[in-house]
Amino acid sequence: METVRFGRTGLKTSQLCLGTMGIGSSKWKGWVLDEDRSRPILKKALDVGVTFFDMADWYSTGVNEEVVGRALLSMTERDRLVLATKAFYPMSADPNDQGLSRKHLMRSIDQSLKRIGTDYVDLYIIHAFDPQTPIEETMEALHDIVRAGKARYIGASTMYAWQFAKMNHVAEKNGWTRFVNMQCQYSLLYREEEREMMPYCKDEGIAVTTFSPLARGYLAGGGSQARLAHDMFLEWFGDAIDREIARRVGEVAQARSKTPSQIAQAWVINTGNVTVPIFGADQPEHVEAILDAATIRLTEAEMTYLDEPYRPRDMINDYNPVRRARALSVEPTSLSAVA
């Protein structure tokens, strides 16, 4: 697998990143794979050249980091991996065990490193914007985490472009570490980041990673019904325009003898807006399928045909941690019991 330069940094990553939200504990969500079913997927990813793996402390309430870290570090050397994890969402009922306060971030990075089984992560990402914490407090804490050698780079996810730009401005003004990565949702059904976030990142040389290329499974040609039944964004997709886009994806897929999933993923790659796309896999064969999708070069006519029905839609940007946890049917008071 080819490697790519991660924005303007000197970091090189595989051209694809395996997102591991679906790895950890089925007790957290029914569609999540337990360790015995996860290891073959991770092994396949390594075998085909994937070196970049995306985790979060909140996924399976910590079990995700434990399973992914334990498996990967038993299969290859730490320095061959680019490991990312995130912090923000509630990890317990403790009001200080969420958000982007210095107290929470300092505790979170230490707990994540312990669970993963490493003394540093390559990329430490804030999972969302925290309106309840001063930006200066967050950015100084992240800078100190980098200075302590616990993270090599920092990134952010799920916020408005003005919030992201303001956080980087505060860091630059104070001589602190700036974000080098923005991780955002991006698919044929959700393209709002094309307005401001992606142009800002291109201008600043910030690496863009994207998740949910199948729009939470809606573009998968039937998709993962188990996941759709539990997904917090289900209400966002499924109107007449979304159905028409999904129909066109299926039509292009049939003409090319590919799956709808592969065409939807290929579209993300073909836009040229993404540094490294994040993909998920429920079984080892899915890893091979995304590799095939990465080689698909859609024609200009096909891109136009897939693009045409889209219309602007509301931003998916709910950064309230308690409301988000409840939308996922995971009450903050019960999070510690999930693990």
C-alpha atoms as a PDB file:
ATOM      1  CA  MET A   1       0.000   0.000   0.000  1.00  0.00           C
ATOM      2  CA  GLU A   2       1.213   3.486  -0.815  1.00  0.00           C
ATOM      3  CA  THR A   3       1.979   6.003   1.908  1.00  0.00           C
ATOM      4  CA  VAL A   4       0.931   9.652   1.994  1.00  0.00           C
ATOM      5  CA  ARG A   5       2.324  12.701   3.689  1.00  0.00           C
ATOM      6  CA  PHE A   6       0.051  13.791   6.509  1.00  0.00           C
ATOM      7  CA  GLY A   7      -0.644  17.394   5.592  1.00  0.00           C
ATOM      8  CA  ARG A   8       2.398  19.642   5.989  1.00  0.00           C
ATOM      9  CA  THR A   9       3.886  17.439   8.707  1.00  0.00           C
ATOM     10  CA  GLY A  10       6.729  15.000   8.144  1.00  0.00           C
ATOM     11  CA  LEU A  11       4.499  12.100   9.203  1.00  0.00           C
ATOM     12  CA  LYS A  12       3.819   9.396   6.629  1.00  0.00           C
ATOM     13  CA  THR A  13       0.771   7.152   6.936  1.00  0.00           C
ATOM     14  CA  SER A  14      -0.821   4.422   4.866  1.00  0.00           C
ATOM     15  CA  GLN A  15      -3.184   5.836   2.256  1.00  0.00           C
ATOM     16  CA  LEU A  16      -6.101   4.260   4.139  1.00  0.00           C
ATOM     17  CA  CYS A  17      -6.933   4.258   7.845  1.00  0.00           C
ATOM     18  CA  LEU A  18      -8.897   1.536   9.613  1.00  0.00           C
ATOM     19  CA  GLY A  19     -11.566   3.047  11.846  1.00  0.00           C
ATOM     20  CA  THR A  20     -12.171   0.793  14.828  1.00  0.00           C
ATOM     21  CA  MET A  21     -15.415   2.029  16.357  1.00  0.00           C
ATOM     22  CA  GLY A  22     -16.879  -1.391  15.505  1.00  0.00           C
ATOM     23  CA  ILE A  23     -14.186  -3.202  17.513  1.00  0.00           C
ATOM     24  CA  GLY A  24     -14.372  -3.687  21.267  1.00  0.00           C
ATOM     25  CA  SER A  25     -17.360  -5.004  23.170  1.00  0.00           C
ATOM     26  CA  SER A  26     -20.774  -6.080  21.889  1.00  0.00           C
ATOM     27  CA  LYS A  27     -22.116  -5.111  25.323  1.00  0.00           C
ATOM     28  CA  TRP A  28     -21.656  -1.483  24.295  1.00  0.00           C
ATOM     29  CA  LYS A  29     -23.592  -1.856  21.021  1.00  0.00           C
ATOM     30  CA  GLY A  30     -24.931  -4.957  19.355  1.00  0.00           C
ATOM     31  CA  TRP A  31     -23.052  -4.399  16.103  1.00  0.00           C
ATOM     32  CA  VAL A  32     -19.635  -4.045  17.759  1.00  0.00           C
ATOM     33  CA  LEU A  33     -17.302  -7.019  17.332  1.00  0.00           C
ATOM     34  CA  ASP A  34     -15.717  -8.682  20.348  1.00  0.00           C
ATOM     35  CA  GLU A  35     -12.000  -9.455  20.405  1.00  0.00           C
ATOM     36  CA  ASP A  36     -12.167 -12.926  18.867  1.00  0.00           C
ATOM     37  CA  ARG A  37     -13.908 -11.580  15.752  1.00  0.00           C
ATOM     38  CA  SER A  38     -11.820  -8.397  15.632  1.00  0.00           C
ATOM     39  CA  ARG A  39      -8.325  -9.866  15.505  1.00  0.00           C
ATOM     40  CA  PRO A  40      -8.655 -11.374  11.987  1.00  0.00           C
ATOM     41  CA  ILE A  41      -9.737  -7.952  10.665  1.00  0.00           C
ATOM     42  CA  LEU A  42      -6.781  -6.196  12.261  1.00  0.00           C
ATOM     43  CA  LYS A  43      -4.433  -8.889  10.984  1.00  0.00           C
ATOM     44  CA  LYS A  44      -5.776  -8.544   7.445  1.00  0.00           C
ATOM     45  CA  ALA A  45      -5.366  -4.767   7.597  1.00  0.00           C
ATOM     46  CA  LEU A  46      -1.728  -5.143   8.619  1.00  0.00           C
ATOM     47  CA  ASP A  47      -1.134  -7.775   5.949  1.00  0.00           C
ATOM     48  CA  VAL A  48      -2.305  -5.465   3.154  1.00  0.00           C
ATOM     49  CA  GLY A  49      -0.217  -2.547   4.391  1.00  0.00           C
ATOM     50  CA  VAL A  50      -2.515  -0.491   6.614  1.00  0.00           C
ATOM     51  CA  THR A  51      -0.435   1.196   9.323  1.00  0.00           C
ATOM     52  CA  PHE A  52      -2.896   3.888  10.450  1.00  0.00           C
ATOM     53  CA  PHE A  53      -5.541   2.890  13.024  1.00  0.00           C
ATOM     54  CA  ASP A  54      -8.145   5.198  14.572  1.00  0.00           C
ATOM     55  CA  MET A  55      -9.521   4.591  18.090  1.00  0.00           C
ATOM     56  CA  ALA A  56     -11.313   6.549  20.830  1.00  0.00           C
ATOM     57  CA  ASP A  57     -11.567   6.147  24.586  1.00  0.00           C
ATOM     58  CA  TRP A  58     -15.356   6.402  24.303  1.00  0.00           C
ATOM     59  CA  TYR A  59     -15.686   3.483  21.864  1.00  0.00           C
ATOM     60  CA  SER A  60     -16.885   0.508  23.911  1.00  0.00           C
ATOM     61  CA  THR A  61     -16.042   2.676  26.941  1.00  0.00           C
ATOM     62  CA  GLY A  62     -12.354   1.895  26.803  1.00  0.00           C
ATOM     63  CA  VAL A  63     -12.538  -1.703  25.613  1.00  0.00           C
ATOM     64  CA  ASN A  64     -11.885  -0.563  22.031  1.00  0.00           C
ATOM     65  CA  GLU A  65      -8.434   0.743  22.955  1.00  0.00           C
ATOM     66  CA  GLU A  66      -7.654  -2.387  24.959  1.00  0.00           C
ATOM     67  CA  VAL A  67      -8.602  -4.795  22.170  1.00  0.00           C
ATOM     68  CA  VAL A  68      -7.018  -2.843  19.302  1.00  0.00           C
ATOM     69  CA  GLY A  69      -3.834  -2.087  21.210  1.00  0.00           C
ATOM     70  CA  ARG A  70      -3.392  -5.617  22.498  1.00  0.00           C
ATOM     71  CA  ALA A  71      -3.965  -7.150  19.064  1.00  0.00           C
ATOM     72  CA  LEU A  72      -1.817  -4.782  17.005  1.00  0.00           C
ATOM     73  CA  LEU A  73       1.122  -4.754  19.405  1.00  0.00           C
ATOM     74  CA  SER A  74       1.144  -8.547  19.413  1.00  0.00           C
ATOM     75  CA  MET A  75       1.311  -8.585  15.612  1.00  0.00           C
ATOM     76  CA  THR A  76       3.864  -5.898  14.753  1.00  0.00           C
ATOM     77  CA  GLU A  77       6.338  -3.412  16.195  1.00  0.00           C
ATOM     78  CA  ARG A  78       4.988  -0.231  17.771  1.00  0.00           C
ATOM     79  CA  ASP A  79       7.113   2.068  15.609  1.00  0.00           C
ATOM     80  CA  ARG A  80       5.573   0.615  12.450  1.00  0.00           C
ATOM     81  CA  LEU A  81       2.133   1.827  13.530  1.00  0.00           C
ATOM     82  CA  VAL A  82       0.416   5.208  13.412  1.00  0.00           C
ATOM     83  CA  LEU A  83      -2.065   5.083  16.283  1.00  0.00           C
ATOM     84  CA  ALA A  84      -4.753   7.687  16.885  1.00  0.00           C
ATOM     85  CA  THR A  85      -7.218   7.985  19.732  1.00  0.00           C
ATOM     86  CA  LYS A  86      -9.677  10.601  20.959  1.00  0.00           C
ATOM     87  CA  ALA A  87     -11.141  12.194  24.071  1.00  0.00           C
ATOM     88  CA  PHE A  88     -14.223  14.276  24.892  1.00  0.00           C
ATOM     89  CA  TYR A  89     -17.316  12.128  25.496  1.00  0.00           C
ATOM     90  CA  PRO A  90     -18.386  10.937  28.985  1.00  0.00           C
ATOM     91  CA  MET A  91     -16.512   7.962  30.346  1.00  0.00           C
ATOM     92  CA  SER A  92     -18.496   7.841  33.604  1.00  0.00           C
ATOM     93  CA  ALA A  93     -21.128   9.760  35.557  1.00  0.00           C
ATOM     94  CA  ASP A  94     -18.413  12.022  37.015  1.00  0.00           C
ATOM     95  CA  PRO A  95     -19.049  15.555  35.630  1.00  0.00           C
ATOM     96  CA  ASN A  96     -15.276  16.023  35.259  1.00  0.00           C
ATOM     97  CA  ASP A  97     -14.943  12.813  33.248  1.00  0.00           C
ATOM     98  CA  GLN A  98     -15.972  14.465  29.973  1.00  0.00           C
ATOM     99  CA  GLY A  99     -15.241  17.511  27.837  1.00  0.00           C
ATOM    100  CA  LEU A 100     -11.962  19.264  27.095  1.00  0.00           C
ATOM    101  CA  SER A 101     -10.937  20.598  30.487  1.00  0.00           C
ATOM    102  CA  ARG A 102      -7.307  20.255  31.524  1.00  0.00           C
ATOM    103  CA  LYS A 103      -8.376  17.859  34.259  1.00  0.00           C
ATOM    104  CA  HIS A 104     -10.178  15.546  31.851  1.00  0.00           C
ATOM    105  CA  LEU A 105      -7.590  15.649  29.055  1.00  0.00           C
ATOM    106  CA  MET A 106      -4.668  14.913  31.359  1.00  0.00           C
ATOM    107  CA  ARG A 107      -6.465  11.961  32.884  1.00  0.00           C
ATOM    108  CA  SER A 108      -7.780  10.766  29.531  1.00  0.00           C
ATOM    109  CA  ILE A 109      -4.417  10.577  27.792  1.00  0.00           C
ATOM    110  CA  ASP A 110      -2.916   8.583  30.670  1.00  0.00           C
ATOM    111  CA  GLN A 111      -5.839   6.176  30.744  1.00  0.00           C
ATOM    112  CA  SER A 112      -5.769   5.732  26.960  1.00  0.00           C
ATOM    113  CA  LEU A 113      -2.051   4.978  26.932  1.00  0.00           C
ATOM    114  CA  LYS A 114      -2.521   2.430  29.689  1.00  0.00           C
ATOM    115  CA  ARG A 115      -5.352   0.696  27.837  1.00  0.00           C
ATOM    116  CA  ILE A 116      -3.570   0.660  24.481  1.00  0.00           C
ATOM    117  CA  GLY A 117      -0.314  -0.540  26.025  1.00  0.00           C
ATOM    118  CA  THR A 118       1.984   2.156  24.673  1.00  0.00           C
ATOM    119  CA  ASP A 119       3.741   5.209  26.040  1.00  0.00           C
ATOM    120  CA  TYR A 120       2.613   7.523  23.238  1.00  0.00           C
ATOM    121  CA  VAL A 121       0.023   7.922  20.491  1.00  0.00           C
ATOM    122  CA  ASP A 122       0.926   9.385  17.146  1.00  0.00           C
ATOM    123  CA  LEU A 123      -2.251  11.464  16.913  1.00  0.00           C
ATOM    124  CA  TYR A 124      -4.391  12.658  19.814  1.00  0.00           C
ATOM    125  CA  ILE A 125      -7.772  13.989  18.690  1.00  0.00           C
ATOM    126  CA  ILE A 126     -10.401  16.001  20.498  1.00  0.00           C
ATOM    127  CA  HIS A 127     -13.685  14.326  19.547  1.00  0.00           C
ATOM    128  CA  ALA A 128     -15.707  17.559  19.439  1.00  0.00           C
ATOM    129  CA  PHE A 129     -15.713  21.220  20.444  1.00  0.00           C
ATOM    130  CA  ASP A 130     -16.399  22.002  24.097  1.00  0.00           C
ATOM    131  CA  PRO A 131     -18.248  25.320  24.570  1.00  0.00           C
ATOM    132  CA  GLN A 132     -17.992  24.976  28.355  1.00  0.00           C
ATOM    133  CA  THR A 133     -14.174  25.079  28.497  1.00  0.00           C
ATOM    134  CA  PRO A 134     -12.014  28.076  27.542  1.00  0.00           C
ATOM    135  CA  ILE A 135     -10.100  27.406  24.350  1.00  0.00           C
ATOM    136  CA  GLU A 136      -6.882  28.547  26.035  1.00  0.00           C
ATOM    137  CA  GLU A 137      -7.269  25.856  28.695  1.00  0.00           C
ATOM    138  CA  THR A 138      -7.782  23.126  26.100  1.00  0.00           C
ATOM    139  CA  MET A 139      -4.970  24.156  23.783  1.00  0.00           C
ATOM    140  CA  GLU A 140      -2.423  24.582  26.577  1.00  0.00           C
ATOM    141  CA  ALA A 141      -3.314  21.150  27.962  1.00  0.00           C
ATOM    142  CA  LEU A 142      -2.907  19.565  24.521  1.00  0.00           C
ATOM    143  CA  HIS A 143       0.416  21.363  24.084  1.00  0.00           C
ATOM    144  CA  ASP A 144       1.621  19.994  27.417  1.00  0.00           C
ATOM    145  CA  ILE A 145       0.581  16.479  26.379  1.00  0.00           C
ATOM    146  CA  VAL A 146       2.727  16.815  23.255  1.00  0.00           C
ATOM    147  CA  ARG A 147       5.627  18.324  25.202  1.00  0.00           C
ATOM    148  CA  ALA A 148       5.450  15.420  27.641  1.00  0.00           C
ATOM    149  CA  GLY A 149       5.917  13.004  24.744  1.00  0.00           C
ATOM    150  CA  LYS A 150       2.522  11.367  25.199  1.00  0.00           C
ATOM    151  CA  ALA A 151       1.333  12.422  21.734  1.00  0.00           C
ATOM    152  CA  ARG A 152       3.301  13.307  18.614  1.00  0.00           C
ATOM    153  CA  TYR A 153       0.572  15.372  16.929  1.00  0.00           C
ATOM    154  CA  ILE A 154      -2.913  16.645  17.751  1.00  0.00           C
ATOM    155  CA  GLY A 155      -6.118  16.714  15.741  1.00  0.00           C
ATOM    156  CA  ALA A 156      -9.795  17.624  16.067  1.00  0.00           C
ATOM    157  CA  SER A 157     -13.192  16.390  14.921  1.00  0.00           C
ATOM    158  CA  THR A 158     -16.854  17.401  14.647  1.00  0.00           C
ATOM    159  CA  MET A 159     -16.954  21.180  14.908  1.00  0.00           C
ATOM    160  CA  TYR A 160     -17.578  24.268  12.821  1.00  0.00           C
ATOM    161  CA  ALA A 161     -14.742  25.685  10.744  1.00  0.00           C
ATOM    162  CA  TRP A 162     -14.712  28.929  12.736  1.00  0.00           C
ATOM    163  CA  GLN A 163     -14.256  26.981  15.979  1.00  0.00           C
ATOM    164  CA  PHE A 164     -11.386  24.966  14.523  1.00  0.00           C
ATOM    165  CA  ALA A 165      -9.709  28.072  13.103  1.00  0.00           C
ATOM    166  CA  LYS A 166     -10.100  29.921  16.405  1.00  0.00           C
ATOM    167  CA  MET A 167      -8.514  27.066  18.360  1.00  0.00           C
ATOM    168  CA  ASN A 168      -5.533  27.007  16.000  1.00  0.00           C
ATOM    169  CA  HIS A 169      -5.243  30.801  16.239  1.00  0.00           C
ATOM    170  CA  VAL A 170      -5.117  30.636  20.044  1.00  0.00           C
ATOM    171  CA  ALA A 171      -2.393  27.996  19.836  1.00  0.00           C
ATOM    172  CA  GLU A 172      -0.341  30.006  17.355  1.00  0.00           C
ATOM    173  CA  LYS A 173      -0.703  33.219  19.364  1.00  0.00           C
ATOM    174  CA  ASN A 174       0.650  31.510  22.482  1.00  0.00           C
ATOM    175  CA  GLY A 175       3.332  29.403  20.845  1.00  0.00           C
ATOM    176  CA  TRP A 176       1.466  26.166  21.559  1.00  0.00           C
ATOM    177  CA  THR A 177       1.025  23.083  19.392  1.00  0.00           C
ATOM    178  CA  ARG A 178      -1.415  23.522  16.501  1.00  0.00           C
ATOM    179  CA  PHE A 179      -3.799  20.947  15.105  1.00  0.00           C
ATOM    180  CA  VAL A 180      -2.467  19.101  12.077  1.00  0.00           C
ATOM    181  CA  ASN A 181      -5.607  17.085  11.377  1.00  0.00           C
ATOM    182  CA  MET A 182      -9.351  17.510  10.995  1.00  0.00           C
ATOM    183  CA  GLN A 183     -11.496  14.368  11.078  1.00  0.00           C
ATOM    184  CA  CYS A 184     -14.958  14.956   9.682  1.00  0.00           C
ATOM    185  CA  GLN A 185     -17.964  13.089   8.385  1.00  0.00           C
ATOM    186  CA  TYR A 186     -18.088  13.002   4.581  1.00  0.00           C
ATOM    187  CA  SER A 187     -20.132  11.045   2.069  1.00  0.00           C
ATOM    188  CA  LEU A 188     -22.383  11.459  -0.939  1.00  0.00           C
ATOM    189  CA  LEU A 189     -25.208  12.165   1.510  1.00  0.00           C
ATOM    190  CA  TYR A 190     -23.265  14.588   3.732  1.00  0.00           C
ATOM    191  CA  ARG A 191     -21.010  17.129   2.034  1.00  0.00           C
ATOM    192  CA  GLU A 192     -21.339  20.212   4.214  1.00  0.00           C
ATOM    193  CA  GLU A 193     -17.619  20.196   5.102  1.00  0.00           C
ATOM    194  CA  GLU A 194     -16.906  21.168   1.479  1.00  0.00           C
ATOM    195  CA  ARG A 195     -18.178  24.679   2.265  1.00  0.00           C
ATOM    196  CA  GLU A 196     -15.590  25.968   4.746  1.00  0.00           C
ATOM    197  CA  MET A 197     -13.755  23.228   6.624  1.00  0.00           C
ATOM    198  CA  MET A 198     -12.054  21.535   3.688  1.00  0.00           C
ATOM    199  CA  PRO A 199     -10.979  24.804   2.000  1.00  0.00           C
ATOM    200  CA  TYR A 200      -9.578  26.029   5.340  1.00  0.00           C
ATOM    201  CA  CYS A 201      -7.623  22.801   5.816  1.00  0.00           C
ATOM    202  CA  LYS A 202      -6.267  22.943   2.273  1.00  0.00           C
ATOM    203  CA  ASP A 203      -5.105  26.519   2.759  1.00  0.00           C
ATOM    204  CA  GLU A 204      -3.435  25.688   6.089  1.00  0.00           C
ATOM    205  CA  GLY A 205      -1.927  22.377   4.999  1.00  0.00           C
ATOM    206  CA  ILE A 206      -3.988  20.436   7.533  1.00  0.00           C
ATOM    207  CA  ALA A 207      -4.540  16.742   6.827  1.00  0.00           C
ATOM    208  CA  VAL A 208      -8.199  15.799   6.348  1.00  0.00           C
ATOM    209  CA  THR A 209      -9.394  12.381   7.461  1.00  0.00           C
ATOM    210  CA  THR A 210     -13.008  11.414   6.877  1.00  0.00           C
ATOM    211  CA  PHE A 211     -15.373   8.871   8.354  1.00  0.00           C
ATOM    212  CA  SER A 212     -18.728   7.309   7.434  1.00  0.00           C
ATOM    213  CA  PRO A 213     -18.298   7.150   3.637  1.00  0.00           C
ATOM    214  CA  LEU A 214     -21.416   4.951   3.547  1.00  0.00           C
ATOM    215  CA  ALA A 215     -23.522   7.506   5.457  1.00  0.00           C
ATOM    216  CA  ARG A 216     -23.839   5.228   8.495  1.00  0.00           C
ATOM    217  CA  GLY A 217     -24.506   2.257   6.205  1.00  0.00           C
ATOM    218  CA  TYR A 218     -27.254   3.893   4.134  1.00  0.00           C
ATOM    219  CA  LEU A 219     -25.200   3.673   0.925  1.00  0.00           C
ATOM    220  CA  ALA A 220     -24.152   0.071   1.465  1.00  0.00           C
ATOM    221  CA  GLY A 221     -26.881  -1.372  -0.724  1.00  0.00           C
ATOM    222  CA  GLY A 222     -28.883  -2.690   2.214  1.00  0.00           C
ATOM    223  CA  GLY A 223     -26.224  -1.802   4.730  1.00  0.00           C
ATOM    224  CA  SER A 224     -25.679  -3.098   8.192  1.00  0.00           C
ATOM    225  CA  GLN A 225     -29.219  -3.226   9.498  1.00  0.00           C
ATOM    226  CA  ALA A 226     -28.008  -4.000  13.001  1.00  0.00           C
ATOM    227  CA  ARG A 227     -25.984  -0.805  13.013  1.00  0.00           C
ATOM    228  CA  LEU A 228     -28.669   1.278  11.363  1.00  0.00           C
ATOM    229  CA  ALA A 229     -31.088   0.242  14.091  1.00  0.00           C
ATOM    230  CA  HIS A 230     -28.738   1.652  16.741  1.00  0.00           C
ATOM    231  CA  ASP A 231     -27.252   4.626  14.919  1.00  0.00           C
ATOM    232  CA  MET A 232     -27.646   8.150  16.261  1.00  0.00           C
ATOM    233  CA  PHE A 233     -27.661   9.644  12.747  1.00  0.00           C
ATOM    234  CA  LEU A 234     -30.387   7.394  11.327  1.00  0.00           C
ATOM    235  CA  GLU A 235     -32.857  10.292  11.445  1.00  0.00           C
ATOM    236  CA  TRP A 236     -30.578  12.337   9.192  1.00  0.00           C
ATOM    237  CA  PHE A 237     -30.735  10.078   6.157  1.00  0.00           C
ATOM    238  CA  GLY A 238     -33.485   8.518   4.104  1.00  0.00           C
ATOM    239  CA  ASP A 239     -35.534  11.253   2.407  1.00  0.00           C
ATOM    240  CA  ALA A 240     -36.356  11.245  -1.303  1.00  0.00           C
ATOM    241  CA  ILE A 241     -33.077  12.889  -2.324  1.00  0.00           C
ATOM    242  CA  ASP A 242     -31.007  10.445  -0.279  1.00  0.00           C
ATOM    243  CA  ARG A 243     -32.903   7.561  -1.829  1.00  0.00           C
ATOM    244  CA  GLU A 244     -32.210   8.918  -5.315  1.00  0.00           C
ATOM    245  CA  ILE A 245     -28.490   9.260  -4.578  1.00  0.00           C
ATOM    246  CA  ALA A 246     -28.426   5.710  -3.203  1.00  0.00           C
ATOM    247  CA  ARG A 247     -30.207   4.504  -6.347  1.00  0.00           C
ATOM    248  CA  ARG A 248     -27.585   6.167  -8.543  1.00  0.00           C
ATOM    249  CA  VAL A 249     -24.783   4.635  -6.483  1.00  0.00           C
ATOM    250  CA  GLY A 250     -26.352   1.230  -7.076  1.00  0.00           C
ATOM    251  CA  GLU A 251     -26.698   1.932 -10.790  1.00  0.00           C
ATOM    252  CA  VAL A 252     -23.040   2.907 -11.180  1.00  0.00           C
ATOM    253  CA  ALA A 253     -22.015  -0.099  -9.103  1.00  0.00           C
ATOM    254  CA  GLN A 254     -23.978  -2.477 -11.307  1.00  0.00           C
ATOM    255  CA  ALA A 255     -22.489  -0.977 -14.476  1.00  0.00           C
ATOM    256  CA  ARG A 256     -18.979  -1.439 -13.094  1.00  0.00           C
ATOM    257  CA  SER A 257     -19.612  -4.858 -11.495  1.00  0.00           C
ATOM    258  CA  LYS A 258     -18.773  -3.399  -8.091  1.00  0.00           C
ATOM    259  CA  THR A 259     -20.736  -3.136  -4.854  1.00  0.00           C
ATOM    260  CA  PRO A 260     -22.562   0.065  -3.847  1.00  0.00           C
ATOM    261  CA  SER A 261     -20.208   0.302  -0.861  1.00  0.00           C
ATOM    262  CA  GLN A 262     -17.193   0.356  -3.137  1.00  0.00           C
ATOM    263  CA  ILE A 263     -18.642   3.083  -5.360  1.00  0.00           C
ATOM    264  CA  ALA A 264     -19.607   5.233  -2.359  1.00  0.00           C
ATOM    265  CA  GLN A 265     -16.101   4.830  -0.934  1.00  0.00           C
ATOM    266  CA  ALA A 266     -14.491   5.455  -4.308  1.00  0.00           C
ATOM    267  CA  TRP A 267     -16.438   8.716  -4.624  1.00  0.00           C
ATOM    268  CA  VAL A 268     -14.912  10.001  -1.376  1.00  0.00           C
ATOM    269  CA  ILE A 269     -11.419   9.162  -2.605  1.00  0.00           C
ATOM    270  CA  ASN A 270     -12.023  10.598  -6.086  1.00  0.00           C
ATOM    271  CA  THR A 271     -13.132  14.006  -4.810  1.00  0.00           C
ATOM    272  CA  GLY A 272      -9.531  14.904  -3.970  1.00  0.00           C
ATOM    273  CA  ASN A 273     -10.727  16.550  -0.749  1.00  0.00           C
ATOM    274  CA  VAL A 274      -9.392  13.868   1.597  1.00  0.00           C
ATOM    275  CA  THR A 275      -5.839  13.106   2.751  1.00  0.00           C
ATOM    276  CA  VAL A 276      -6.659   9.735   4.296  1.00  0.00           C
ATOM    277  CA  PRO A 277     -10.151   8.179   4.219  1.00  0.00           C
ATOM    278  CA  ILE A 278     -11.157   6.158   7.263  1.00  0.00           C
ATOM    279  CA  PHE A 279     -12.970   2.916   6.542  1.00  0.00           C
ATOM    280  CA  GLY A 280     -14.571   0.278   8.702  1.00  0.00           C
ATOM    281  CA  ALA A 281     -14.748  -3.485   8.331  1.00  0.00           C
ATOM    282  CA  ASP A 282     -17.004  -6.153   9.831  1.00  0.00           C
ATOM    283  CA  GLN A 283     -14.927  -9.004   8.434  1.00  0.00           C
ATOM    284  CA  PRO A 284     -11.514  -9.477   6.766  1.00  0.00           C
ATOM    285  CA  GLU A 285     -13.053  -9.569   3.286  1.00  0.00           C
ATOM    286  CA  HIS A 286     -14.220  -5.985   3.735  1.00  0.00           C
ATOM    287  CA  VAL A 287     -10.592  -4.873   3.978  1.00  0.00           C
ATOM    288  CA  GLU A 288      -9.913  -6.364   0.549  1.00  0.00           C
ATOM    289  CA  ALA A 289     -13.036  -4.659  -0.799  1.00  0.00           C
ATOM    290  CA  ILE A 290     -11.905  -1.196   0.306  1.00  0.00           C
ATOM    291  CA  LEU A 291      -8.504  -1.806  -1.255  1.00  0.00           C
ATOM    292  CA  ASP A 292     -10.285  -2.513  -4.524  1.00  0.00           C
ATOM    293  CA  ALA A 293     -12.449   0.593  -4.065  1.00  0.00           C
ATOM    294  CA  ALA A 294      -9.318   2.711  -3.666  1.00  0.00           C
ATOM    295  CA  THR A 295      -8.237   1.755  -7.186  1.00  0.00           C
ATOM    296  CA  ILE A 296     -11.522   2.789  -8.834  1.00  0.00           C
ATOM    297  CA  ARG A 297     -11.225   5.934 -10.922  1.00  0.00           C
ATOM    298  CA  LEU A 298     -14.694   7.314 -11.515  1.00  0.00           C
ATOM    299  CA  THR A 299     -15.177   9.228 -14.751  1.00  0.00           C
ATOM    300  CA  GLU A 300     -16.164  12.883 -14.777  1.00  0.00           C
ATOM    301  CA  ALA A 301     -19.594  11.845 -16.044  1.00  0.00           C
ATOM    302  CA  GLU A 302     -20.017   9.354 -13.203  1.00  0.00           C
ATOM    303  CA  MET A 303     -18.950  11.918 -10.597  1.00  0.00           C
ATOM    304  CA  THR A 304     -21.412  14.442 -12.005  1.00  0.00           C
ATOM    305  CA  TYR A 305     -24.197  11.869 -12.072  1.00  0.00           C
ATOM    306  CA  LEU A 306     -23.589  11.000  -8.421  1.00  0.00           C
ATOM    307  CA  ASP A 307     -23.195  14.646  -7.372  1.00  0.00           C
ATOM    308  CA  GLU A 308     -26.252  16.116  -9.094  1.00  0.00           C
ATOM    309  CA  PRO A 309     -29.090  15.323  -6.645  1.00  0.00           C
ATOM    310  CA  TYR A 310     -27.334  16.676  -3.543  1.00  0.00           C
ATOM    311  CA  ARG A 311     -28.769  19.658  -1.723  1.00  0.00           C
ATOM    312  CA  PRO A 312     -27.416  21.632   1.242  1.00  0.00           C
ATOM    313  CA  ARG A 313     -28.490  20.215   4.589  1.00  0.00           C
ATOM    314  CA  ASP A 314     -28.120  21.059   8.255  1.00  0.00           C
ATOM    315  CA  MET A 315     -24.759  20.459   9.861  1.00  0.00           C
ATOM    316  CA  ILE A 316     -24.389  17.302  11.917  1.00  0.00           C
ATOM    317  CA  ASN A 317     -22.600  18.978  14.762  1.00  0.00           C
ATOM    318  CA  ASP A 318     -24.144  18.218  18.140  1.00  0.00           C
ATOM    319  CA  TYR A 319     -21.240  18.569  20.535  1.00  0.00           C
ATOM    320  CA  ASN A 320     -23.236  18.314  23.783  1.00  0.00           C
ATOM    321  CA  PRO A 321     -21.739  15.178  25.401  1.00  0.00           C
ATOM    322  CA  VAL A 322     -24.750  14.230  27.500  1.00  0.00           C
ATOM    323  CA  ARG A 323     -27.237  14.772  24.665  1.00  0.00           C
ATOM    324  CA  ARG A 324     -25.018  12.835  22.250  1.00  0.00           C
ATOM    325  CA  ALA A 325     -24.669   9.925  24.688  1.00  0.00           C
ATOM    326  CA  ARG A 326     -28.439   9.799  25.166  1.00  0.00           C
ATOM    327  CA  ALA A 327     -28.994   9.913  21.400  1.00  0.00           C
ATOM    328  CA  LEU A 328     -26.878   6.790  21.253  1.00  0.00           C
ATOM    329  CA  SER A 329     -29.006   5.114  23.939  1.00  0.00           C
ATOM    330  CA  VAL A 330     -26.013   5.080  26.276  1.00  0.00           C
ATOM    331  CA  GLU A 331     -26.811   6.982  29.448  1.00  0.00           C
ATOM    332  CA  PRO A 332     -23.736   8.616  31.012  1.00  0.00           C
ATOM    333  CA  THR A 333     -24.646   7.043  34.363  1.00  0.00           C
ATOM    334  CA  SER A 334     -24.370   3.585  32.860  1.00  0.00           C
ATOM    335  CA  LEU A 335     -21.225   4.047  30.776  1.00  0.00           C
ATOM    336  CA  SER A 336     -18.850   2.562  33.335  1.00  0.00           C
ATOM    337  CA  ALA A 337     -20.909  -0.625  33.430  1.00  0.00           C
ATOM    338  CA  VAL A 338     -20.624  -1.211  29.689  1.00  0.00           C
ATOM    339  CA  ALA A 339     -16.968  -2.173  29.886  1.00  0.00           C
END
